Amino acid sequence: MKENFLEKQTKLLNEQKQEILEKLAQQNDELYKLVENVDSGDEVDMASDAIDRKLLNELGAQDSARLNQIEAALTRIKRGTYGICINCGEQIKQGRLEAIPYASLCIDCQEEMEKHKY
């Protein structure tokens, strides 16, 4: 892979990482304020609060998973294995990496994984 492409991807990954960290910090503050102010009396309010908390946790989990993928991509860049599918060892197309800079699978392996996931 060309050095300038790797530099561009490193910068992009670091920006995405910072964005997620800032978002998680903001959500944490907002969640704590929300929980402090909740005084649910009836069952409908309690159920609604539980759903809201579950949704916030899920959003946090998705961001957390994406953050892990970004960290793994940055590690692959440092090791010189960025852009190589971790499943089949083939080169991941540059267009895919531009669209999803933390992609660790080529499109064929990703599609195969998704088929077995559902």
N, C-alpha and C. Protein backbone atom coordinates (compact mmCIF):
# COMPACT_ATOMS: atom_id res chain seq x y z
N MET A 1 0.83 -1.19 0.00
CA MET A 1 0.00 0.00 0.00
C MET A 1 0.87 1.25 0.00
N LYS A 2 0.40 2.25 -0.67
CA LYS A 2 1.17 3.49 -0.76
C LYS A 2 1.18 4.22 0.59
N GLU A 3 2.32 4.83 0.87
CA GLU A 3 2.52 5.50 2.16
C GLU A 3 1.52 6.64 2.37
N ASN A 4 1.25 7.43 1.33
CA ASN A 4 0.32 8.55 1.51
C ASN A 4 -1.10 8.07 1.79
N PHE A 5 -1.49 6.90 1.22
CA PHE A 5 -2.80 6.33 1.52
C PHE A 5 -2.85 5.89 2.98
N LEU A 6 -1.80 5.27 3.47
CA LEU A 6 -1.76 4.83 4.87
C LEU A 6 -1.80 6.03 5.82
N GLU A 7 -1.10 7.09 5.46
CA GLU A 7 -1.13 8.31 6.29
C GLU A 7 -2.54 8.90 6.33
N LYS A 8 -3.19 8.93 5.17
CA LYS A 8 -4.56 9.45 5.09
C LYS A 8 -5.50 8.60 5.94
N GLN A 9 -5.37 7.28 5.84
CA GLN A 9 -6.22 6.38 6.60
C GLN A 9 -5.95 6.49 8.10
N THR A 10 -4.70 6.63 8.48
CA THR A 10 -4.35 6.80 9.90
C THR A 10 -5.00 8.06 10.45
N LYS A 11 -4.92 9.13 9.69
CA LYS A 11 -5.54 10.39 10.13
C LYS A 11 -7.05 10.22 10.26
N LEU A 12 -7.67 9.60 9.27
CA LEU A 12 -9.12 9.38 9.28
C LEU A 12 -9.53 8.50 10.46
N LEU A 13 -8.81 7.43 10.69
CA LEU A 13 -9.12 6.53 11.81
C LEU A 13 -8.97 7.25 13.15
N ASN A 14 -7.93 8.05 13.29
CA ASN A 14 -7.75 8.81 14.54
C ASN A 14 -8.86 9.83 14.74
N GLU A 15 -9.31 10.45 13.65
CA GLU A 15 -10.43 11.40 13.75
C GLU A 15 -11.71 10.68 14.18
N GLN A 16 -11.97 9.52 13.59
CA GLN A 16 -13.16 8.75 13.96
C GLN A 16 -13.07 8.29 15.41
N LYS A 17 -11.89 7.89 15.83
CA LYS A 17 -11.67 7.47 17.22
C LYS A 17 -11.99 8.62 18.17
N GLN A 18 -11.47 9.80 17.88
CA GLN A 18 -11.71 10.97 18.72
C GLN A 18 -13.19 11.33 18.77
N GLU A 19 -13.85 11.23 17.62
CA GLU A 19 -15.28 11.52 17.53
C GLU A 19 -16.09 10.59 18.44
N ILE A 20 -15.77 9.30 18.39
CA ILE A 20 -16.48 8.32 19.23
C ILE A 20 -16.22 8.58 20.70
N LEU A 21 -14.97 8.84 21.06
CA LEU A 21 -14.64 9.10 22.46
C LEU A 21 -15.38 10.32 22.99
N GLU A 22 -15.44 11.36 22.17
CA GLU A 22 -16.17 12.57 22.59
C GLU A 22 -17.66 12.29 22.72
N LYS A 23 -18.21 11.52 21.78
CA LYS A 23 -19.63 11.17 21.82
C LYS A 23 -19.95 10.33 23.05
N LEU A 24 -19.11 9.34 23.34
CA LEU A 24 -19.33 8.50 24.51
C LEU A 24 -19.24 9.31 25.80
N ALA A 25 -18.29 10.23 25.87
CA ALA A 25 -18.17 11.07 27.05
C ALA A 25 -19.40 11.94 27.22
N GLN A 26 -19.89 12.50 26.13
CA GLN A 26 -21.08 13.34 26.17
C GLN A 26 -22.30 12.52 26.58
N GLN A 27 -22.45 11.32 25.99
CA GLN A 27 -23.58 10.45 26.34
C GLN A 27 -23.52 10.06 27.81
N ASN A 28 -22.33 9.81 28.30
CA ASN A 28 -22.18 9.44 29.70
C ASN A 28 -22.68 10.55 30.61
N ASP A 29 -22.26 11.77 30.33
CA ASP A 29 -22.71 12.91 31.14
C ASP A 29 -24.22 13.07 31.05
N GLU A 30 -24.76 12.98 29.83
CA GLU A 30 -26.20 13.13 29.65
C GLU A 30 -26.96 12.00 30.32
N LEU A 31 -26.44 10.78 30.25
CA LEU A 31 -27.10 9.63 30.87
C LEU A 31 -27.14 9.80 32.38
N TYR A 32 -26.03 10.20 32.97
CA TYR A 32 -26.00 10.39 34.42
C TYR A 32 -27.00 11.46 34.85
N LYS A 33 -27.08 12.56 34.10
CA LYS A 33 -28.04 13.61 34.44
C LYS A 33 -29.47 13.10 34.30
N LEU A 34 -29.72 12.31 33.25
CA LEU A 34 -31.05 11.76 33.01
C LEU A 34 -31.45 10.81 34.15
N VAL A 35 -30.55 9.93 34.54
CA VAL A 35 -30.85 8.96 35.59
C VAL A 35 -31.05 9.66 36.93
N GLU A 36 -30.27 10.68 37.21
CA GLU A 36 -30.42 11.42 38.46
C GLU A 36 -31.79 12.07 38.57
N ASN A 37 -32.33 12.54 37.44
CA ASN A 37 -33.58 13.28 37.45
C ASN A 37 -34.82 12.41 37.28
N VAL A 38 -34.64 11.11 37.06
CA VAL A 38 -35.78 10.22 36.84
C VAL A 38 -36.39 9.84 38.18
N ASP A 39 -37.70 10.07 38.26
CA ASP A 39 -38.44 9.66 39.44
C ASP A 39 -39.72 9.01 38.95
N SER A 40 -39.56 7.81 38.39
CA SER A 40 -40.68 7.12 37.77
C SER A 40 -41.59 6.53 38.83
N GLY A 41 -42.87 6.87 38.70
CA GLY A 41 -43.82 6.37 39.67
C GLY A 41 -44.64 5.22 39.15
N ASP A 42 -45.12 5.33 37.93
CA ASP A 42 -45.98 4.25 37.46
C ASP A 42 -45.23 3.31 36.53
N GLU A 43 -45.85 2.19 36.23
CA GLU A 43 -45.19 1.13 35.47
C GLU A 43 -44.89 1.53 34.03
N VAL A 44 -45.75 2.35 33.43
CA VAL A 44 -45.51 2.79 32.05
C VAL A 44 -44.24 3.63 31.99
N ASP A 45 -44.09 4.56 32.93
CA ASP A 45 -42.88 5.38 32.97
C ASP A 45 -41.65 4.51 33.19
N MET A 46 -41.78 3.54 34.07
CA MET A 46 -40.64 2.67 34.37
C MET A 46 -40.26 1.85 33.14
N ALA A 47 -41.25 1.34 32.41
CA ALA A 47 -40.97 0.57 31.20
C ALA A 47 -40.33 1.46 30.15
N SER A 48 -40.83 2.67 29.99
CA SER A 48 -40.26 3.61 29.03
C SER A 48 -38.82 3.95 29.39
N ASP A 49 -38.56 4.17 30.68
CA ASP A 49 -37.20 4.46 31.13
C ASP A 49 -36.27 3.28 30.85
N ALA A 50 -36.76 2.06 31.07
CA ALA A 50 -35.95 0.87 30.82
C ALA A 50 -35.60 0.75 29.34
N ILE A 51 -36.56 1.03 28.47
CA ILE A 51 -36.32 0.98 27.02
C ILE A 51 -35.31 2.05 26.63
N ASP A 52 -35.47 3.28 27.18
CA ASP A 52 -34.53 4.35 26.88
C ASP A 52 -33.12 3.98 27.31
N ARG A 53 -32.99 3.40 28.49
CA ARG A 53 -31.66 3.00 28.99
C ARG A 53 -31.06 1.91 28.12
N LYS A 54 -31.89 0.94 27.72
CA LYS A 54 -31.41 -0.15 26.86
C LYS A 54 -30.93 0.41 25.52
N LEU A 55 -31.68 1.35 24.96
CA LEU A 55 -31.29 1.97 23.69
C LEU A 55 -29.97 2.71 23.84
N LEU A 56 -29.83 3.48 24.90
CA LEU A 56 -28.57 4.20 25.14
C LEU A 56 -27.41 3.24 25.32
N ASN A 57 -27.65 2.14 26.03
CA ASN A 57 -26.59 1.15 26.21
C ASN A 57 -26.20 0.51 24.89
N GLU A 58 -27.19 0.21 24.05
CA GLU A 58 -26.92 -0.40 22.75
C GLU A 58 -26.13 0.56 21.87
N LEU A 59 -26.52 1.82 21.87
CA LEU A 59 -25.76 2.80 21.09
C LEU A 59 -24.32 2.87 21.59
N GLY A 60 -24.16 2.82 22.90
CA GLY A 60 -22.83 2.82 23.48
C GLY A 60 -22.05 1.58 23.08
N ALA A 61 -22.74 0.43 23.03
CA ALA A 61 -22.09 -0.82 22.66
C ALA A 61 -21.64 -0.78 21.20
N GLN A 62 -22.47 -0.20 20.33
CA GLN A 62 -22.11 -0.10 18.91
C GLN A 62 -20.88 0.80 18.74
N ASP A 63 -20.88 1.93 19.45
CA ASP A 63 -19.73 2.82 19.38
C ASP A 63 -18.49 2.16 19.95
N SER A 64 -18.68 1.40 21.01
CA SER A 64 -17.56 0.70 21.64
C SER A 64 -16.98 -0.34 20.68
N ALA A 65 -17.84 -1.07 19.99
CA ALA A 65 -17.38 -2.07 19.02
C ALA A 65 -16.64 -1.39 17.87
N ARG A 66 -17.17 -0.27 17.40
CA ARG A 66 -16.52 0.46 16.31
C ARG A 66 -15.16 0.99 16.76
N LEU A 67 -15.10 1.45 18.01
CA LEU A 67 -13.83 1.93 18.56
C LEU A 67 -12.79 0.80 18.58
N ASN A 68 -13.21 -0.39 18.97
CA ASN A 68 -12.31 -1.55 18.96
C ASN A 68 -11.83 -1.87 17.54
N GLN A 69 -12.73 -1.75 16.56
CA GLN A 69 -12.35 -2.00 15.17
C GLN A 69 -11.34 -0.96 14.69
N ILE A 70 -11.54 0.28 15.09
CA ILE A 70 -10.62 1.36 14.71
C ILE A 70 -9.24 1.10 15.32
N GLU A 71 -9.22 0.74 16.61
CA GLU A 71 -7.94 0.44 17.27
C GLU A 71 -7.22 -0.71 16.57
N ALA A 72 -7.98 -1.74 16.19
CA ALA A 72 -7.39 -2.89 15.50
C ALA A 72 -6.82 -2.46 14.14
N ALA A 73 -7.52 -1.58 13.44
CA ALA A 73 -7.03 -1.09 12.15
C ALA A 73 -5.74 -0.30 12.32
N LEU A 74 -5.69 0.54 13.35
CA LEU A 74 -4.47 1.31 13.61
C LEU A 74 -3.30 0.38 13.93
N THR A 75 -3.57 -0.69 14.65
CA THR A 75 -2.54 -1.69 14.95
C THR A 75 -2.07 -2.37 13.68
N ARG A 76 -3.02 -2.71 12.78
CA ARG A 76 -2.64 -3.34 11.52
C ARG A 76 -1.77 -2.40 10.68
N ILE A 77 -2.07 -1.11 10.72
CA ILE A 77 -1.23 -0.15 9.99
C ILE A 77 0.19 -0.20 10.53
N LYS A 78 0.32 -0.17 11.85
CA LYS A 78 1.65 -0.20 12.47
C LYS A 78 2.40 -1.48 12.14
N ARG A 79 1.69 -2.59 12.06
CA ARG A 79 2.31 -3.90 11.79
C ARG A 79 2.55 -4.15 10.31
N GLY A 80 1.97 -3.29 9.46
CA GLY A 80 2.14 -3.47 8.03
C GLY A 80 1.17 -4.47 7.42
N THR A 81 0.10 -4.79 8.13
CA THR A 81 -0.88 -5.75 7.61
C THR A 81 -2.21 -5.10 7.26
N TYR A 82 -2.25 -3.78 7.30
CA TYR A 82 -3.49 -3.06 6.97
C TYR A 82 -3.83 -3.31 5.51
N GLY A 83 -5.10 -3.57 5.25
CA GLY A 83 -5.55 -3.78 3.89
C GLY A 83 -5.48 -5.23 3.44
N ILE A 84 -5.10 -6.11 4.36
CA ILE A 84 -5.06 -7.55 4.06
C ILE A 84 -6.18 -8.21 4.85
N CYS A 85 -7.02 -8.96 4.16
CA CYS A 85 -8.16 -9.63 4.79
C CYS A 85 -7.66 -10.59 5.87
N ILE A 86 -8.21 -10.47 7.06
CA ILE A 86 -7.77 -11.33 8.15
C ILE A 86 -8.30 -12.76 8.02
N ASN A 87 -9.20 -12.97 7.08
CA ASN A 87 -9.76 -14.31 6.88
C ASN A 87 -9.03 -15.07 5.77
N CYS A 88 -8.94 -14.46 4.60
CA CYS A 88 -8.38 -15.18 3.44
C CYS A 88 -6.97 -14.71 3.06
N GLY A 89 -6.54 -13.57 3.60
CA GLY A 89 -5.20 -13.08 3.29
C GLY A 89 -5.09 -12.30 2.00
N GLU A 90 -6.20 -12.11 1.30
CA GLU A 90 -6.19 -11.34 0.06
C GLU A 90 -6.22 -9.84 0.37
N GLN A 91 -5.82 -9.06 -0.62
CA GLN A 91 -5.82 -7.60 -0.49
C GLN A 91 -7.26 -7.09 -0.46
N ILE A 92 -7.56 -6.19 0.48
CA ILE A 92 -8.87 -5.53 0.53
C ILE A 92 -8.80 -4.36 -0.44
N LYS A 93 -9.81 -4.21 -1.27
CA LYS A 93 -9.80 -3.14 -2.26
C LYS A 93 -9.77 -1.77 -1.59
N GLN A 94 -9.01 -0.87 -2.21
CA GLN A 94 -8.83 0.47 -1.66
C GLN A 94 -10.17 1.19 -1.48
N GLY A 95 -11.08 1.03 -2.43
CA GLY A 95 -12.39 1.66 -2.33
C GLY A 95 -13.14 1.24 -1.07
N ARG A 96 -13.02 -0.04 -0.73
CA ARG A 96 -13.67 -0.54 0.51
C ARG A 96 -13.03 0.11 1.72
N LEU A 97 -11.72 0.22 1.72
CA LEU A 97 -11.02 0.82 2.86
C LEU A 97 -11.32 2.32 2.97
N GLU A 98 -11.55 2.96 1.83
CA GLU A 98 -11.92 4.37 1.88
C GLU A 98 -13.31 4.54 2.46
N ALA A 99 -14.20 3.60 2.15
CA ALA A 99 -15.58 3.66 2.66
C ALA A 99 -15.64 3.23 4.12
N ILE A 100 -14.91 2.18 4.46
CA ILE A 100 -14.88 1.65 5.83
C ILE A 100 -13.41 1.47 6.21
N PRO A 101 -12.79 2.52 6.73
CA PRO A 101 -11.34 2.46 6.96
C PRO A 101 -10.90 1.40 7.96
N TYR A 102 -11.81 0.89 8.77
CA TYR A 102 -11.45 -0.13 9.75
C TYR A 102 -11.83 -1.54 9.28
N ALA A 103 -12.19 -1.67 7.99
CA ALA A 103 -12.57 -2.99 7.46
C ALA A 103 -11.40 -3.96 7.61
N SER A 104 -11.72 -5.15 8.11
CA SER A 104 -10.69 -6.16 8.28
C SER A 104 -10.91 -7.36 7.36
N LEU A 105 -12.04 -7.35 6.66
CA LEU A 105 -12.36 -8.44 5.75
C LEU A 105 -12.57 -7.90 4.34
N CYS A 106 -12.17 -8.68 3.35
CA CYS A 106 -12.49 -8.30 1.97
C CYS A 106 -14.00 -8.45 1.79
N ILE A 107 -14.52 -7.92 0.73
CA ILE A 107 -15.98 -7.92 0.52
C ILE A 107 -16.53 -9.34 0.44
N ASP A 108 -15.80 -10.26 -0.19
CA ASP A 108 -16.27 -11.64 -0.30
C ASP A 108 -16.38 -12.30 1.07
N CYS A 109 -15.36 -12.15 1.89
CA CYS A 109 -15.38 -12.75 3.23
C CYS A 109 -16.44 -12.07 4.11
N GLN A 110 -16.62 -10.76 3.95
CA GLN A 110 -17.64 -10.05 4.72
C GLN A 110 -19.03 -10.57 4.36
N GLU A 111 -19.29 -10.73 3.07
CA GLU A 111 -20.60 -11.25 2.63
C GLU A 111 -20.82 -12.66 3.14
N GLU A 112 -19.79 -13.48 3.09
CA GLU A 112 -19.91 -14.86 3.58
C GLU A 112 -20.20 -14.88 5.09
N MET A 113 -19.53 -14.02 5.83
CA MET A 113 -19.76 -13.95 7.26
C MET A 113 -21.20 -13.51 7.56
N GLU A 114 -21.68 -12.53 6.82
CA GLU A 114 -23.04 -12.03 7.04
C GLU A 114 -24.09 -13.08 6.67
N LYS A 115 -23.82 -13.92 5.68
CA LYS A 115 -24.75 -14.99 5.32
C LYS A 115 -24.93 -15.94 6.49
N HIS A 116 -23.84 -16.26 7.15
CA HIS A 116 -23.89 -17.23 8.26
C HIS A 116 -24.37 -16.58 9.55
N LYS A 117 -24.35 -15.28 9.59
CA LYS A 117 -24.78 -14.55 10.79
C LYS A 117 -26.29 -14.59 10.96
N TYR A 118 -27.02 -14.58 9.84
CA TYR A 118 -28.48 -14.51 9.90
C TYR A 118 -29.11 -15.81 9.61
